[in-house]
Amino acid sequence: VRDGDAAIDYLHNNPLPSTLLVDQMMHLKRGTDVLEELAKLDTENAVRTILITAVPQSVAQEMYDKVDIFLQKPVSYKDLTTLAQRLSASHGTSSGNIATP
């Protein structure tokens, strides 16, 4: 999706994905805003989350504690795709339902 508002809209209007990849610095809403909305919808905590940011982990401890995987930029698309598929597989979910707002 194109921005944080669209990501939130997607979560409200589609089945929840097995894995959600968000960038902290999306347009209109931050990645953590999207994750907060996800927490309201994902009452079983079934969605695995990956947060990408340019902010160092030491500075972003609050964000780090709320996701399954925290990645600091730069990250290649190939590495992200592989990581998302492995995360989904390790939680017994299909990698075919990966949303990348």
Protein backbone atom coordinates (compact mmCIF):
# COMPACT_ATOMS: atom_id res chain seq x y z
CA VAL A 1 0.00 0.00 0.00
CA ARG A 2 1.11 3.58 -0.52
CA ASP A 3 1.02 5.08 3.00
CA GLY A 4 0.13 4.53 6.66
CA ASP A 5 -3.53 5.47 6.26
CA ALA A 6 -3.87 2.97 3.42
CA ALA A 7 -2.19 0.31 5.57
CA ILE A 8 -4.71 0.87 8.36
CA ASP A 9 -7.55 0.80 5.85
CA TYR A 10 -6.19 -2.48 4.46
CA LEU A 11 -6.12 -4.05 7.92
CA HIS A 12 -9.74 -3.06 8.55
CA ASN A 13 -11.07 -4.24 5.19
CA ASN A 14 -9.17 -7.47 4.48
CA PRO A 15 -8.35 -10.69 6.31
CA LEU A 16 -5.37 -10.14 8.59
CA PRO A 17 -2.10 -11.20 6.98
CA SER A 18 0.19 -13.82 8.49
CA THR A 19 3.09 -11.33 8.39
CA LEU A 20 3.03 -7.55 8.33
CA LEU A 21 6.02 -5.54 7.16
CA VAL A 22 5.93 -1.82 7.97
CA ASP A 23 8.33 1.06 7.61
CA GLN A 24 8.44 3.40 10.58
CA MET A 25 8.67 6.46 8.32
CA MET A 26 5.64 5.90 6.07
CA HIS A 27 3.70 8.85 4.73
CA LEU A 28 0.62 10.03 6.75
CA LYS A 29 1.00 7.52 9.62
CA ARG A 30 4.07 6.05 11.27
CA GLY A 31 4.74 2.33 11.26
CA THR A 32 4.07 2.23 15.00
CA ASP A 33 0.64 3.79 14.37
CA VAL A 34 -0.13 0.91 12.01
CA LEU A 35 1.14 -1.60 14.58
CA GLU A 36 -1.05 -0.05 17.29
CA GLU A 37 -4.08 -0.45 15.04
CA LEU A 38 -3.06 -4.02 14.27
CA ALA A 39 -2.92 -4.78 18.01
CA LYS A 40 -6.58 -3.77 18.32
CA LEU A 41 -7.60 -6.10 15.50
CA ASP A 42 -5.25 -9.03 16.14
CA THR A 43 -6.63 -10.16 19.50
CA GLU A 44 -4.89 -13.55 19.23
CA ASN A 45 -1.50 -11.98 18.43
CA ALA A 46 -1.29 -14.20 15.35
CA VAL A 47 0.23 -11.68 12.92
CA ARG A 48 4.03 -11.67 12.87
CA THR A 49 5.44 -8.16 12.54
CA ILE A 50 8.58 -6.74 10.97
CA LEU A 51 9.45 -3.06 11.46
CA ILE A 52 12.00 -1.36 9.23
CA THR A 53 13.50 1.94 10.26
CA ALA A 54 16.55 4.14 9.83
CA VAL A 55 16.50 4.82 13.58
CA PRO A 56 19.12 2.78 15.47
CA GLN A 57 17.76 0.08 17.77
CA SER A 58 19.34 1.77 20.80
CA VAL A 59 17.26 4.90 20.10
CA ALA A 60 14.10 3.00 19.18
CA GLN A 61 13.81 0.60 22.13
CA GLU A 62 10.06 1.29 22.50
CA MET A 63 9.46 0.23 18.89
CA TYR A 64 11.82 -2.74 19.18
CA ASP A 65 9.83 -4.25 22.05
CA LYS A 66 6.56 -4.24 20.05
CA VAL A 67 7.59 -6.26 16.98
CA ASP A 68 8.82 -9.73 16.15
CA ILE A 69 11.70 -8.45 14.05
CA PHE A 70 13.31 -5.00 14.00
CA LEU A 71 15.44 -4.17 10.96
CA GLN A 72 17.63 -1.16 10.51
CA LYS A 73 17.90 0.30 7.00
CA PRO A 74 19.31 -0.32 4.50
CA VAL A 75 17.78 -3.76 3.85
CA SER A 76 17.49 -5.44 0.46
CA TYR A 77 14.10 -6.49 -0.93
CA LYS A 78 15.36 -10.05 -1.41
CA ASP A 79 16.42 -10.29 2.25
CA LEU A 80 13.06 -8.91 3.38
CA THR A 81 11.09 -11.38 1.32
CA THR A 82 13.14 -14.32 2.54
CA LEU A 83 12.87 -13.17 6.14
CA ALA A 84 9.09 -12.69 5.93
CA GLN A 85 8.63 -16.15 4.43
CA ARG A 86 10.77 -17.76 7.13
CA LEU A 87 8.93 -15.91 9.88
CA SER A 88 5.57 -17.04 8.53
CA ALA A 89 6.75 -20.63 8.13
CA SER A 90 8.16 -20.72 11.66
CA HIS A 91 4.71 -19.82 13.00
CA GLY A 92 2.87 -22.43 10.94
CA THR A 93 1.29 -19.97 8.53
CA SER A 94 1.27 -19.77 4.78
CA SER A 95 3.76 -17.38 3.22
CA GLY A 96 1.14 -16.56 0.59
CA ASN A 97 -0.64 -14.14 2.91
CA ILE A 98 2.10 -11.61 3.53
CA ALA A 99 1.06 -7.94 3.51
CA THR A 100 3.66 -5.27 2.90
CA PRO A 101 2.19 -1.82 3.52
